Amino acid sequence: MLNALEVCTTVIVGLMVGVEFSVAFVMNPIFTALPEDSGQLARSHGGRMLGAVMPVWYIGSLVLTTVWAIAGWNHPGTGLVVTAGALLILSVIMSILLLVPINDQGKTWTPENRPADWKEQMNRWDRYHYARVAVIIAAFTLLVTALV
């Protein structure tokens, strides 16, 4: 049963990392290169869509990692799992304090109502997101290492 939990947790965290990596290094650069208002509209739509899904994914990943750490407490690699859990906690805190406030504004923007500094706000979100991606990649790496 523990093996199934370990694999399930690792896959779910890995998929989350893949989505967030894709947002940072594939989707947002594509959106930035779109003509006129298309990029801003795409980011707003992405903020609405992923803003609804990602909180569940982040919290679910943290819960699964916590259950793994508790269930495997006396097994090798538990320290790695606990450290991964701490990094996932950090990613949730970063999300709540840094990224969500910007996303909550950006997902309502249209070309008619966006603020004059919308590009600067999106650039700030991108910088915070790069840091969060680094944190969750580190967490994922620790979980994979704990498996072996």
C-alpha atoms as a PDB file:
ATOM      1  CA  MET A   1       0.000   0.000   0.000  1.00  0.00           C
ATOM      2  CA  LEU A   2       2.847   2.377   0.815  1.00  0.00           C
ATOM      3  CA  ASN A   3       4.372   1.736  -2.617  1.00  0.00           C
ATOM      4  CA  ALA A   4       1.119   2.761  -4.313  1.00  0.00           C
ATOM      5  CA  LEU A   5       0.980   5.942  -2.218  1.00  0.00           C
ATOM      6  CA  GLU A   6       4.591   6.774  -3.080  1.00  0.00           C
ATOM      7  CA  VAL A   7       4.050   6.301  -6.799  1.00  0.00           C
ATOM      8  CA  CYS A   8       0.703   8.149  -6.820  1.00  0.00           C
ATOM      9  CA  THR A   9       2.164  11.096  -4.906  1.00  0.00           C
ATOM     10  CA  THR A  10       5.212  11.278  -7.153  1.00  0.00           C
ATOM     11  CA  VAL A  11       3.117  11.164 -10.329  1.00  0.00           C
ATOM     12  CA  ILE A  12       0.680  13.829  -9.112  1.00  0.00           C
ATOM     13  CA  VAL A  13       3.477  16.163  -7.996  1.00  0.00           C
ATOM     14  CA  GLY A  14       5.351  15.483 -11.240  1.00  0.00           C
ATOM     15  CA  LEU A  15       2.332  16.374 -13.344  1.00  0.00           C
ATOM     16  CA  MET A  16       1.890  19.585 -11.347  1.00  0.00           C
ATOM     17  CA  VAL A  17       5.541  20.452 -11.950  1.00  0.00           C
ATOM     18  CA  GLY A  18       5.068  19.782 -15.663  1.00  0.00           C
ATOM     19  CA  VAL A  19       2.058  22.080 -15.905  1.00  0.00           C
ATOM     20  CA  GLU A  20       3.743  24.882 -13.974  1.00  0.00           C
ATOM     21  CA  PHE A  21       6.975  24.488 -15.968  1.00  0.00           C
ATOM     22  CA  SER A  22       4.947  24.658 -19.177  1.00  0.00           C
ATOM     23  CA  VAL A  23       3.190  27.832 -18.004  1.00  0.00           C
ATOM     24  CA  ALA A  24       6.521  29.473 -17.194  1.00  0.00           C
ATOM     25  CA  PHE A  25       8.606  28.434 -20.171  1.00  0.00           C
ATOM     26  CA  VAL A  26       6.130  27.618 -22.949  1.00  0.00           C
ATOM     27  CA  MET A  27       2.689  29.182 -22.563  1.00  0.00           C
ATOM     28  CA  ASN A  28       3.536  32.619 -21.187  1.00  0.00           C
ATOM     29  CA  PRO A  29       6.274  33.237 -23.790  1.00  0.00           C
ATOM     30  CA  ILE A  30       3.763  32.251 -26.483  1.00  0.00           C
ATOM     31  CA  PHE A  31       1.158  34.595 -24.987  1.00  0.00           C
ATOM     32  CA  THR A  32       3.695  37.425 -24.833  1.00  0.00           C
ATOM     33  CA  ALA A  33       4.450  37.004 -28.539  1.00  0.00           C
ATOM     34  CA  LEU A  34       0.796  37.183 -29.608  1.00  0.00           C
ATOM     35  CA  PRO A  35      -0.294  40.351 -31.403  1.00  0.00           C
ATOM     36  CA  GLU A  36      -2.165  43.246 -29.827  1.00  0.00           C
ATOM     37  CA  ASP A  37      -4.430  42.288 -26.909  1.00  0.00           C
ATOM     38  CA  SER A  38      -4.394  38.537 -27.535  1.00  0.00           C
ATOM     39  CA  GLY A  39      -1.630  37.825 -25.022  1.00  0.00           C
ATOM     40  CA  GLN A  40      -3.341  39.663 -22.204  1.00  0.00           C
ATOM     41  CA  LEU A  41      -6.651  37.948 -22.969  1.00  0.00           C
ATOM     42  CA  ALA A  42      -4.922  34.559 -23.019  1.00  0.00           C
ATOM     43  CA  ARG A  43      -3.279  35.234 -19.657  1.00  0.00           C
ATOM     44  CA  SER A  44      -6.617  36.290 -18.169  1.00  0.00           C
ATOM     45  CA  HIS A  45      -8.287  33.126 -19.405  1.00  0.00           C
ATOM     46  CA  GLY A  46      -5.380  30.995 -18.168  1.00  0.00           C
ATOM     47  CA  GLY A  47      -5.563  32.718 -14.794  1.00  0.00           C
ATOM     48  CA  ARG A  48      -9.251  31.865 -14.483  1.00  0.00           C
ATOM     49  CA  MET A  49      -8.833  28.265 -15.615  1.00  0.00           C
ATOM     50  CA  LEU A  50      -5.665  27.350 -13.724  1.00  0.00           C
ATOM     51  CA  GLY A  51      -6.641  29.538 -10.776  1.00  0.00           C
ATOM     52  CA  ALA A  52      -9.564  27.175 -10.193  1.00  0.00           C
ATOM     53  CA  VAL A  53      -7.547  23.949 -10.531  1.00  0.00           C
ATOM     54  CA  MET A  54      -4.126  24.642  -9.068  1.00  0.00           C
ATOM     55  CA  PRO A  55      -5.131  25.268  -5.426  1.00  0.00           C
ATOM     56  CA  VAL A  56      -6.612  21.764  -5.272  1.00  0.00           C
ATOM     57  CA  TRP A  57      -3.521  20.332  -6.949  1.00  0.00           C
ATOM     58  CA  TYR A  58      -1.081  22.105  -4.608  1.00  0.00           C
ATOM     59  CA  ILE A  59      -2.980  21.216  -1.437  1.00  0.00           C
ATOM     60  CA  GLY A  60      -3.617  17.664  -2.664  1.00  0.00           C
ATOM     61  CA  SER A  61       0.093  17.207  -3.380  1.00  0.00           C
ATOM     62  CA  LEU A  62       0.943  18.478   0.075  1.00  0.00           C
ATOM     63  CA  VAL A  63      -1.615  16.167   1.728  1.00  0.00           C
ATOM     64  CA  LEU A  64      -0.343  13.137  -0.188  1.00  0.00           C
ATOM     65  CA  THR A  65       3.253  13.978   0.709  1.00  0.00           C
ATOM     66  CA  THR A  66       2.285  14.351   4.365  1.00  0.00           C
ATOM     67  CA  VAL A  67       0.493  10.986   4.358  1.00  0.00           C
ATOM     68  CA  TRP A  68       3.555   9.404   2.705  1.00  0.00           C
ATOM     69  CA  ALA A  69       5.845  10.875   5.370  1.00  0.00           C
ATOM     70  CA  ILE A  70       3.623   9.594   8.182  1.00  0.00           C
ATOM     71  CA  ALA A  71       2.981   6.161   6.660  1.00  0.00           C
ATOM     72  CA  GLY A  72       6.627   5.637   5.831  1.00  0.00           C
ATOM     73  CA  TRP A  73       8.067   7.197   8.965  1.00  0.00           C
ATOM     74  CA  ASN A  74      10.439   4.301   9.717  1.00  0.00           C
ATOM     75  CA  HIS A  75      11.417   3.696   6.093  1.00  0.00           C
ATOM     76  CA  PRO A  76      14.513   4.951   4.265  1.00  0.00           C
ATOM     77  CA  GLY A  77      14.003   8.274   2.500  1.00  0.00           C
ATOM     78  CA  THR A  78      11.531   9.723   4.975  1.00  0.00           C
ATOM     79  CA  GLY A  79      13.761  12.745   5.553  1.00  0.00           C
ATOM     80  CA  LEU A  80      13.639  13.481   1.835  1.00  0.00           C
ATOM     81  CA  VAL A  81       9.840  13.223   1.853  1.00  0.00           C
ATOM     82  CA  VAL A  82       9.576  15.542   4.871  1.00  0.00           C
ATOM     83  CA  THR A  83      11.877  18.055   3.159  1.00  0.00           C
ATOM     84  CA  ALA A  84       9.788  17.801  -0.019  1.00  0.00           C
ATOM     85  CA  GLY A  85       6.706  18.472   2.101  1.00  0.00           C
ATOM     86  CA  ALA A  86       8.358  21.555   3.588  1.00  0.00           C
ATOM     87  CA  LEU A  87       9.109  22.809   0.078  1.00  0.00           C
ATOM     88  CA  LEU A  88       5.500  22.207  -0.959  1.00  0.00           C
ATOM     89  CA  ILE A  89       4.377  24.212   2.083  1.00  0.00           C
ATOM     90  CA  LEU A  90       6.716  26.991   0.927  1.00  0.00           C
ATOM     91  CA  SER A  91       5.177  26.836  -2.556  1.00  0.00           C
ATOM     92  CA  VAL A  92       1.670  27.193  -1.105  1.00  0.00           C
ATOM     93  CA  ILE A  93       2.782  30.167   1.017  1.00  0.00           C
ATOM     94  CA  MET A  94       4.439  31.755  -2.023  1.00  0.00           C
ATOM     95  CA  SER A  95       1.253  31.223  -4.006  1.00  0.00           C
ATOM     96  CA  ILE A  96      -1.016  32.773  -1.379  1.00  0.00           C
ATOM     97  CA  LEU A  97       1.204  35.742  -0.561  1.00  0.00           C
ATOM     98  CA  LEU A  98       2.780  36.561  -3.938  1.00  0.00           C
ATOM     99  CA  LEU A  99       1.056  35.001  -6.937  1.00  0.00           C
ATOM    100  CA  VAL A 100      -2.652  34.747  -6.094  1.00  0.00           C
ATOM    101  CA  PRO A 101      -3.121  38.487  -5.425  1.00  0.00           C
ATOM    102  CA  ILE A 102      -1.740  39.333  -8.876  1.00  0.00           C
ATOM    103  CA  ASN A 103      -3.629  36.485 -10.535  1.00  0.00           C
ATOM    104  CA  ASP A 104      -6.911  37.505  -8.896  1.00  0.00           C
ATOM    105  CA  GLN A 105      -6.600  40.924 -10.493  1.00  0.00           C
ATOM    106  CA  GLY A 106      -5.249  39.742 -13.832  1.00  0.00           C
ATOM    107  CA  LYS A 107      -7.939  37.181 -14.476  1.00  0.00           C
ATOM    108  CA  THR A 108     -10.565  39.945 -14.570  1.00  0.00           C
ATOM    109  CA  TRP A 109      -8.679  42.218 -16.959  1.00  0.00           C
ATOM    110  CA  THR A 110      -9.870  43.007 -20.439  1.00  0.00           C
ATOM    111  CA  PRO A 111      -8.308  45.442 -22.897  1.00  0.00           C
ATOM    112  CA  GLU A 112     -10.888  47.976 -21.705  1.00  0.00           C
ATOM    113  CA  ASN A 113     -10.335  47.740 -17.946  1.00  0.00           C
ATOM    114  CA  ARG A 114      -6.718  46.650 -17.427  1.00  0.00           C
ATOM    115  CA  PRO A 115      -4.416  49.006 -15.524  1.00  0.00           C
ATOM    116  CA  ALA A 116      -1.696  50.944 -17.277  1.00  0.00           C
ATOM    117  CA  ASP A 117       1.006  48.881 -15.537  1.00  0.00           C
ATOM    118  CA  TRP A 118      -0.491  45.481 -16.422  1.00  0.00           C
ATOM    119  CA  LYS A 119       2.672  44.335 -18.208  1.00  0.00           C
ATOM    120  CA  GLU A 120       4.809  45.149 -15.171  1.00  0.00           C
ATOM    121  CA  GLN A 121       2.384  43.223 -12.954  1.00  0.00           C
ATOM    122  CA  MET A 122       2.541  40.216 -15.288  1.00  0.00           C
ATOM    123  CA  ASN A 123       6.345  40.407 -15.312  1.00  0.00           C
ATOM    124  CA  ARG A 124       6.338  40.416 -11.504  1.00  0.00           C
ATOM    125  CA  TRP A 125       3.990  37.395 -11.494  1.00  0.00           C
ATOM    126  CA  ASP A 126       6.357  35.636 -13.917  1.00  0.00           C
ATOM    127  CA  ARG A 127       9.367  36.246 -11.657  1.00  0.00           C
ATOM    128  CA  TYR A 128       7.528  34.888  -8.619  1.00  0.00           C
ATOM    129  CA  HIS A 129       6.324  31.951 -10.690  1.00  0.00           C
ATOM    130  CA  TYR A 130       9.900  31.082 -11.789  1.00  0.00           C
ATOM    131  CA  ALA A 131      10.896  30.923  -8.120  1.00  0.00           C
ATOM    132  CA  ARG A 132       7.873  28.767  -7.274  1.00  0.00           C
ATOM    133  CA  VAL A 133       8.669  26.423 -10.166  1.00  0.00           C
ATOM    134  CA  ALA A 134      12.206  26.012  -8.813  1.00  0.00           C
ATOM    135  CA  VAL A 135      10.788  25.153  -5.378  1.00  0.00           C
ATOM    136  CA  ILE A 136       8.356  22.528  -6.680  1.00  0.00           C
ATOM    137  CA  ILE A 137      11.013  21.015  -8.978  1.00  0.00           C
ATOM    138  CA  ALA A 138      13.205  20.612  -5.899  1.00  0.00           C
ATOM    139  CA  ALA A 139      10.300  18.977  -4.017  1.00  0.00           C
ATOM    140  CA  PHE A 140       9.625  16.627  -6.931  1.00  0.00           C
ATOM    141  CA  THR A 141      13.313  15.721  -7.162  1.00  0.00           C
ATOM    142  CA  LEU A 142      13.351  14.822  -3.470  1.00  0.00           C
ATOM    143  CA  LEU A 143      10.261  12.640  -3.851  1.00  0.00           C
ATOM    144  CA  VAL A 144      11.777  10.806  -6.814  1.00  0.00           C
ATOM    145  CA  THR A 145      15.003  10.333  -4.869  1.00  0.00           C
ATOM    146  CA  ALA A 146      13.049   8.976  -1.901  1.00  0.00           C
ATOM    147  CA  LEU A 147      11.554   6.325  -4.186  1.00  0.00           C
ATOM    148  CA  VAL A 148      14.972   4.960  -5.040  1.00  0.00           C
END
